[in-house]
Protein backbone atom coordinates (compact mmCIF):
# COMPACT_ATOMS: atom_id res chain seq x y z
CA MET A 1 20.65 5.62 -5.17
CA PRO A 2 21.12 4.57 -1.51
CA ARG A 3 21.16 7.34 1.14
CA ILE A 4 23.00 7.03 4.25
CA LEU A 5 23.13 9.60 7.25
CA ILE A 6 26.16 9.55 9.54
CA VAL A 7 25.36 10.85 13.11
CA ASP A 8 28.37 11.83 15.39
CA ASP A 9 29.22 14.67 17.28
CA GLU A 10 32.89 14.34 16.50
CA GLU A 11 33.77 15.95 13.13
CA GLU A 12 36.97 13.71 12.76
CA ASN A 13 34.88 10.42 12.96
CA ARG A 14 32.26 11.66 10.65
CA GLU A 15 34.74 12.67 7.98
CA ALA A 16 36.51 9.50 8.57
CA LEU A 17 33.59 7.20 8.26
CA HIS A 18 32.17 9.22 5.23
CA THR A 19 35.53 8.63 3.43
CA ALA A 20 35.63 5.29 4.15
CA LEU A 21 32.07 4.50 3.07
CA GLY A 22 32.14 6.82 0.31
CA ASP A 23 35.36 5.02 -1.27
CA GLU A 24 33.98 1.61 -1.08
CA ASN A 25 30.53 2.76 -2.29
CA PRO A 26 30.69 5.63 -4.92
CA GLY A 27 27.15 5.26 -5.96
CA TRP A 28 25.94 6.11 -2.29
CA SER A 29 24.69 9.40 -1.14
CA ILE A 30 26.05 10.13 2.08
CA LEU A 31 24.74 13.00 4.59
CA CYS A 32 26.31 13.90 7.92
CA ALA A 33 24.75 15.23 11.12
CA GLU A 34 26.42 16.31 14.31
CA GLY A 35 23.49 15.59 16.71
CA GLU A 36 20.12 14.32 17.18
CA MET A 37 18.33 17.56 16.18
CA GLU A 38 20.11 17.88 12.89
CA ALA A 39 19.70 14.36 11.80
CA ARG A 40 15.89 14.79 12.58
CA LEU A 41 15.80 17.70 10.62
CA LEU A 42 17.66 16.01 7.60
CA ILE A 43 15.48 12.97 7.83
CA GLU A 44 12.26 15.11 7.72
CA GLN A 45 13.57 17.18 4.64
CA GLN A 46 14.55 14.17 2.78
CA LEU A 47 11.15 12.66 3.13
CA ALA A 48 9.60 15.78 2.10
CA LYS A 49 11.67 15.75 -1.03
CA LYS A 50 10.39 12.05 -1.34
CA GLU A 51 14.21 10.84 -1.40
CA PRO A 52 14.10 9.20 2.20
CA ILE A 53 17.18 8.32 4.21
CA ASP A 54 17.87 4.54 3.91
CA VAL A 55 20.18 3.85 6.63
CA VAL A 56 21.21 5.80 9.83
CA LEU A 57 24.54 5.17 11.22
CA THR A 58 24.48 6.81 14.62
CA ASP A 59 26.75 7.18 17.51
CA LEU A 60 25.22 6.18 20.70
CA VAL A 61 26.88 8.71 22.99
CA MET A 62 26.59 12.37 21.95
CA ALA A 63 24.90 15.19 23.91
CA SER A 64 23.76 12.33 26.21
CA GLU A 65 24.51 8.73 26.83
CA GLN A 66 21.41 7.58 24.96
CA SER A 67 21.41 10.04 22.11
CA GLY A 68 21.68 7.35 19.70
CA MET A 69 18.85 5.70 21.34
CA THR A 70 16.48 8.78 21.22
CA LEU A 71 17.32 9.36 17.52
CA LEU A 72 16.60 5.68 16.70
CA LYS A 73 12.97 6.12 18.21
CA GLU A 74 12.37 9.60 16.51
CA ALA A 75 13.65 8.18 13.07
CA ARG A 76 11.44 5.07 13.04
CA LYS A 77 8.45 7.28 14.00
CA LEU A 78 8.95 9.51 11.09
CA ASP A 79 10.00 6.28 8.58
CA PRO A 80 8.95 2.78 10.01
CA LEU A 81 11.08 1.35 7.25
CA ILE A 82 14.08 3.39 7.99
CA MET A 83 17.33 1.30 8.87
CA ALA A 84 19.52 2.08 11.94
CA ILE A 85 23.07 0.94 12.92
CA LEU A 86 24.32 2.23 16.28
CA PHE A 87 27.81 2.25 17.21
CA THR A 88 30.01 3.10 20.15
CA ALA A 89 33.26 2.98 21.83
CA LYS A 90 31.53 3.04 25.25
CA GLU A 91 29.99 -0.57 25.61
CA LYS A 92 28.74 -0.21 29.21
CA SER A 93 26.53 2.68 27.90
CA LEU A 94 24.88 0.40 25.58
CA ASP A 95 21.74 -1.62 26.29
CA ARG A 96 21.86 -3.74 23.37
CA TYR A 97 18.50 -5.46 23.89
CA GLY A 98 16.78 -2.13 24.28
CA ALA A 99 18.42 -1.04 20.91
CA PHE A 100 17.00 -4.08 19.18
CA ASP A 101 13.57 -3.36 20.96
CA TYR A 102 13.44 0.11 19.42
CA GLY A 103 14.27 -1.13 15.82
CA ALA A 104 18.10 -0.85 15.66
CA PHE A 105 19.06 -3.25 12.54
CA ASP A 106 22.57 -4.00 14.14
CA VAL A 107 25.08 -2.44 16.61
CA VAL A 108 28.68 -2.02 16.19
CA GLU A 109 31.24 -1.96 19.07
CA LYS A 110 34.09 0.61 18.34
CA ASN A 111 36.67 -0.27 21.00
CA ILE A 112 39.20 0.01 18.17
CA ARG A 113 38.53 2.82 15.87
CA GLY A 114 39.72 2.91 12.14
CA ALA A 115 39.89 0.56 9.33
CA THR A 116 38.42 -2.38 11.16
CA ALA A 117 35.36 -0.48 12.43
CA ALA A 118 34.60 1.23 9.27
CA ARG A 119 34.62 -2.23 7.25
CA GLU A 120 32.37 -3.71 9.81
CA ILE A 121 30.00 -0.68 9.55
CA ASN A 122 30.48 -0.80 5.80
CA VAL A 123 29.22 -4.54 5.63
CA LYS A 124 26.29 -4.03 7.86
CA THR A 125 25.16 -0.89 6.28
CA ARG A 126 24.98 -3.07 2.83
CA ALA A 127 23.11 -5.80 4.59
CA ALA A 128 20.84 -3.12 5.91
CA LEU A 129 20.29 -1.87 2.49
CA ARG A 130 19.32 -5.18 1.42
CA TYR A 131 16.97 -5.58 4.22
CA ARG A 132 15.50 -2.26 3.69
CA GLU A 133 14.65 -3.16 0.04
CA TRP A 134 13.16 -6.57 0.85
CA SER A 135 10.92 -4.72 3.61
CA GLN A 136 9.59 -2.08 1.06
CA ARG A 137 8.99 -4.86 -1.51
CA ILE A 138 6.96 -6.89 1.34
CA ASN A 139 5.08 -3.46 2.24
CA PHE A 140 4.50 -2.89 -1.27
CA LEU A 141 3.25 -6.26 -2.26
CA GLY A 142 1.13 -6.36 0.94
CA ARG A 143 -0.89 -3.40 -0.04
CA TYR A 144 -2.00 -5.19 -3.24
CA PHE A 145 -1.68 -8.90 -2.95
CA ASP A 146 -3.06 -11.32 -0.72
CA PRO A 147 -0.12 -12.69 1.40
CA ARG A 148 -0.41 -16.22 -0.04
CA VAL A 149 0.77 -15.07 -3.43
CA PHE A 150 3.86 -13.60 -2.08
CA GLU A 151 5.93 -16.74 -2.52
CA THR A 152 4.81 -16.93 -6.23
CA ILE A 153 5.81 -13.35 -7.06
CA GLU A 154 9.18 -13.89 -5.23
CA ARG A 155 9.84 -16.76 -7.12
CA ASP A 156 8.88 -14.98 -10.63
CA PRO A 157 9.32 -11.19 -10.24
CA THR A 158 8.45 -10.65 -14.01
CA LEU A 159 4.97 -11.17 -12.87
CA LEU A 160 5.00 -7.51 -11.79
CA ALA A 161 6.01 -6.40 -15.29
CA MET A 162 3.92 -4.20 -17.25
CA ARG A 163 2.16 -6.39 -19.88
CA LEU A 164 -1.21 -6.59 -21.81
CA ARG A 165 -3.54 -8.74 -19.93
CA THR A 166 -7.45 -9.39 -20.02
CA VAL A 167 -8.55 -8.66 -16.56
CA THR A 168 -11.85 -8.19 -14.95
CA ILE A 169 -11.72 -4.88 -13.24
CA CYS A 170 -14.24 -3.90 -10.16
CA PHE A 171 -15.02 -0.31 -8.96
CA TRP A 172 -16.86 0.28 -5.57
CA ASP A 173 -18.08 3.56 -4.55
CA ILE A 174 -20.23 4.61 -1.25
CA ARG A 175 -23.29 6.39 -2.05
CA GLY A 176 -24.25 9.15 0.40
CA PHE A 177 -20.66 9.37 1.96
CA SER A 178 -20.40 13.13 1.25
CA LEU A 179 -23.70 13.80 3.12
CA MET A 180 -22.48 11.32 5.76
CA CYS A 181 -19.39 13.49 6.23
CA GLU A 182 -21.25 16.52 6.53
CA ILE A 183 -23.60 14.85 9.01
CA LEU A 184 -20.70 13.62 11.27
CA LYS A 185 -18.07 16.33 10.63
CA ALA A 186 -17.89 17.38 14.34
CA HIS A 187 -17.14 13.77 14.98
CA PRO A 188 -14.06 12.71 12.78
CA THR A 189 -13.21 9.81 14.54
CA LEU A 190 -16.59 8.08 13.63
CA ILE A 191 -15.78 8.77 9.96
CA SER A 192 -12.32 7.41 10.30
CA GLY A 193 -13.31 4.33 12.30
CA PHE A 194 -16.05 3.37 9.62
CA LEU A 195 -13.41 3.92 6.69
CA ARG A 196 -10.82 1.76 8.38
CA ASP A 197 -13.36 -1.13 8.81
CA TYR A 198 -14.54 -0.44 5.26
CA CYS A 199 -11.01 -0.66 3.69
CA GLU A 200 -9.99 -3.71 5.71
CA ALA A 201 -13.03 -5.41 4.81
CA ALA A 202 -12.69 -4.48 0.98
CA ALA A 203 -9.20 -5.86 1.03
CA THR A 204 -9.75 -8.89 2.90
CA THR A 205 -12.84 -9.79 0.36
CA VAL A 206 -10.62 -8.90 -2.72
CA PHE A 207 -7.86 -11.18 -1.47
CA LYS A 208 -10.24 -13.94 -0.64
CA TYR A 209 -11.40 -14.13 -4.12
CA SER A 210 -7.76 -13.94 -5.76
CA GLY A 211 -7.97 -10.68 -6.44
CA VAL A 212 -5.21 -7.78 -6.54
CA LEU A 213 -6.22 -4.58 -4.65
CA ASP A 214 -5.23 -1.78 -7.00
CA LYS A 215 -6.02 1.25 -4.83
CA PHE A 216 -8.34 3.24 -2.70
CA ILE A 217 -9.58 6.31 -3.79
CA GLY A 218 -11.21 8.36 -1.24
CA ASP A 219 -14.44 6.22 -0.41
CA GLY A 220 -13.81 4.09 -3.48
CA ALA A 221 -11.77 1.18 -4.33
CA MET A 222 -10.55 -0.52 -7.22
CA ALA A 223 -9.59 -4.24 -7.77
CA LEU A 224 -8.43 -6.31 -10.34
CA PHE A 225 -9.23 -9.99 -11.14
CA GLY A 226 -7.23 -12.26 -13.45
CA VAL A 227 -3.82 -10.60 -13.28
CA LEU A 228 -1.87 -13.91 -12.26
CA SER A 229 -3.99 -16.29 -14.15
CA PRO A 230 -2.53 -18.24 -17.14
CA GLU A 231 -1.98 -16.00 -20.27
CA ASP A 232 -4.23 -18.14 -22.16
CA ALA A 233 -7.02 -18.08 -19.83
CA SER A 234 -10.64 -16.86 -21.36
CA GLY A 235 -11.03 -14.71 -18.38
CA GLY A 236 -14.37 -16.49 -17.43
CA GLU A 237 -13.24 -17.84 -13.97
CA ASP A 238 -11.84 -14.18 -13.24
CA ALA A 239 -14.84 -12.57 -14.15
CA CYS A 240 -16.69 -15.16 -11.81
CA GLN A 241 -14.43 -14.22 -8.88
CA ALA A 242 -15.17 -10.59 -9.40
CA ILE A 243 -18.70 -10.94 -9.05
CA ARG A 244 -18.29 -13.48 -6.32
CA ALA A 245 -15.99 -10.71 -4.29
CA ALA A 246 -18.93 -8.14 -5.16
CA CYS A 247 -21.54 -9.99 -3.83
CA ALA A 248 -19.74 -11.02 -0.59
CA PHE A 249 -18.58 -7.41 -0.36
CA ARG A 250 -22.23 -6.05 -0.63
CA VAL A 251 -23.35 -8.21 2.52
CA ILE A 252 -20.24 -7.33 4.58
CA PHE A 253 -20.71 -3.61 3.93
CA ASP A 254 -24.30 -3.75 5.00
CA SER A 255 -23.18 -5.55 8.30
CA ILE A 256 -20.40 -2.88 8.83
CA VAL A 257 -23.00 -0.18 8.27
CA GLU A 258 -25.29 -1.80 10.76
CA HIS A 259 -22.55 -1.77 13.24
CA TRP A 260 -21.81 1.87 12.84
CA GLN A 261 -25.41 3.14 12.67
CA THR A 262 -25.54 2.14 16.54
CA GLU A 263 -22.43 4.45 17.09
CA TRP A 264 -23.71 7.35 14.79
CA LYS A 265 -27.20 7.57 16.31
CA LEU A 266 -25.19 8.66 19.72
CA TYR A 267 -24.03 11.58 18.01
CA SER A 268 -26.43 12.73 15.48
CA PRO A 269 -29.97 13.17 15.37
CA GLN A 270 -30.07 13.02 11.47
CA LYS A 271 -30.40 9.59 9.81
CA VAL A 272 -27.18 8.46 7.93
CA GLU A 273 -28.04 6.55 4.75
CA ILE A 274 -25.24 5.24 2.69
CA GLY A 275 -25.14 2.30 0.27
CA LEU A 276 -22.40 0.61 -1.86
CA GLY A 277 -22.44 0.79 -5.75
CA CYS A 278 -20.44 -1.18 -7.86
CA GLY A 279 -19.25 -1.55 -11.43
CA ILE A 280 -17.70 -4.66 -13.15
CA HIS A 281 -15.97 -4.87 -16.68
CA THR A 282 -13.80 -7.09 -18.37
CA GLY A 283 -11.16 -6.06 -20.89
CA GLU A 284 -7.70 -5.74 -22.28
CA VAL A 285 -5.53 -3.45 -20.30
CA LEU A 286 -2.01 -2.69 -19.40
CA VAL A 287 -1.22 -3.91 -15.97
CA GLY A 288 1.77 -4.10 -13.70
CA ASN A 289 4.21 -2.07 -11.72
CA VAL A 290 4.61 1.60 -12.42
CA GLY A 291 6.23 4.56 -10.72
CA ALA A 292 9.29 5.62 -9.28
CA ASP A 293 11.31 4.02 -6.24
CA PHE A 294 9.61 6.27 -3.78
CA ARG A 295 6.22 5.78 -5.14
CA GLU A 296 5.43 2.53 -6.69
CA GLN A 297 1.95 1.15 -7.46
CA PHE A 298 0.68 -2.02 -9.25
CA THR A 299 -2.27 -0.92 -11.27
CA ALA A 300 -4.11 -1.30 -14.58
CA LEU A 301 -3.87 1.56 -17.34
CA GLY A 302 -6.20 1.94 -20.50
CA PRO A 303 -9.69 2.90 -21.71
CA HIS A 304 -11.22 0.06 -20.21
CA VAL A 305 -10.25 1.18 -16.66
CA ASN A 306 -12.03 4.36 -17.43
CA PHE A 307 -15.01 2.60 -18.97
CA THR A 308 -15.56 0.54 -15.51
CA ALA A 309 -15.39 3.64 -13.61
CA ARG A 310 -18.26 5.09 -15.73
CA VAL A 311 -20.34 1.90 -15.33
CA GLU A 312 -19.68 2.25 -11.47
CA ALA A 313 -20.92 5.69 -11.55
CA ARG A 314 -24.03 4.57 -13.08
CA ALA A 315 -24.75 2.18 -10.02
CA LEU A 316 -27.41 2.76 -7.56
CA SER A 317 -26.99 2.05 -3.84
CA ARG A 318 -26.43 -1.78 -3.29
CA GLN A 319 -26.50 -2.47 -7.16
CA ILE A 320 -23.77 -4.46 -8.93
CA LEU A 321 -23.69 -3.24 -12.57
CA VAL A 322 -21.93 -5.68 -15.10
CA SER A 323 -20.72 -4.78 -18.66
CA GLN A 324 -21.74 -7.02 -21.53
CA SER A 325 -18.23 -8.62 -21.95
CA THR A 326 -18.28 -9.63 -18.37
CA GLU A 327 -21.98 -10.96 -18.53
CA ALA A 328 -20.86 -12.99 -22.02
CA ARG A 329 -18.27 -14.81 -19.69
CA VAL A 330 -20.64 -15.34 -16.51
CA ARG A 331 -24.07 -15.73 -17.94
CA ASP A 332 -24.28 -19.62 -17.21
CA LYS A 333 -23.02 -19.29 -13.67
CA VAL A 334 -25.14 -16.24 -12.15
CA VAL A 335 -28.31 -14.54 -12.51
CA LEU A 336 -28.34 -11.27 -14.12
CA GLU A 337 -31.04 -8.82 -15.23
CA PRO A 338 -30.87 -6.55 -17.92
CA ALA A 339 -30.16 -2.66 -16.79
CA GLY A 340 -30.68 -0.66 -20.00
CA ASP A 341 -28.18 0.72 -22.26
CA ILE A 342 -25.87 3.69 -21.94
CA ASP A 343 -24.54 5.85 -24.97
CA ASN A 344 -23.39 9.08 -23.14
CA ILE A 345 -20.10 8.20 -21.79
CA LYS A 346 -17.66 11.04 -21.78
CA ASN A 347 -14.52 10.46 -24.25
CA ILE A 348 -15.88 6.75 -24.81
CA PRO A 349 -17.95 6.51 -27.95
CA GLY A 350 -20.75 3.86 -28.44
CA THR A 351 -23.82 2.42 -27.08
CA PHE A 352 -23.28 -0.21 -24.12
CA THR A 353 -25.78 -2.87 -22.56
CA LEU A 354 -25.48 -3.20 -18.65
CA PHE A 355 -26.74 -6.11 -16.45
CA SER A 356 -27.47 -5.93 -12.73
CA VAL A 357 -26.40 -8.69 -10.27
CA HIS A 358 -29.69 -9.88 -8.45
CA ASP A 359 -29.53 -9.64 -4.62
CA SER A 360 -30.16 -13.28 -4.48
CA ALA A 361 -27.60 -14.28 -7.16
CA GLN A 362 -25.88 -17.76 -6.27
CA LEU A 363 -22.67 -18.65 -8.30
CA GLU A 364 -21.82 -22.16 -8.82
CA LEU A 365 -18.57 -22.79 -6.79
């Protein structure tokens, strides 16, 4: 349900616009505020309830001649994707270019109040809702997919629907991260800066090897390979891509740590020792877009996801562990070493053989 906020210090104008929009759009939830402070409070409350305002319709001149502009700036700070339309009957008070610079979607001049202005606001509000939906979609896709695949997904949105797929799942986690946080707890920016570089490198590497970034979990990351592959694919190339990504990220991670060691040594006499552990497994999962409108997520579900996480938990620092089902798909292209069997995985009975990707592993490209 679209949520619209009308902000005007004149009650008659608020009610008239509320009625006009409500009559034309019975499916909209329309809220009203008489000034900047009340509007900001409503925006914050709706965000807290996970029912964000989609479009703010605000008069320009209220407590001051720039009230609408001030509200626009504050609203965009709270929700960068919120749409805002400014309207005014005092054209001389309007800095149209400034309004667009602050992120206004559109501006309506209300020199003639009544039905004409209401119709124009209605049309532009509908357009703003479509643009917000598109922006949210792009923002959502950008978290998971390489920008190069946007066009493919836009042409065929059914690719995001939940379905059973054979994919290769990859988990990463930083060994020694908790101790690092304890050592550097007096300098949180050193931790957050490192994590920023780590997350950016993970996303870039996953995208480079045609993977989908599922999520970040604290200092861990999860990626999927093969989500958009042909349905009849054996999964061999996807498994290879996952290992290529893991090998590449291992090298990149080492360089990131080397860079940050220089910074950490300036603030702590204690040595920071961290390393990346990785687990890879291929299996059939339910994969697609799940969640509510306010909290969408593209992810994989099923026991194979849990199994991959358990494999990753067994990996040592700088070790890439691979399950037997992945090994069977890549054995001709990568050097793997037996890494023993495991049989004590919680809630997953059986004995499982693992393999380790050698540091010098070279895949045939």
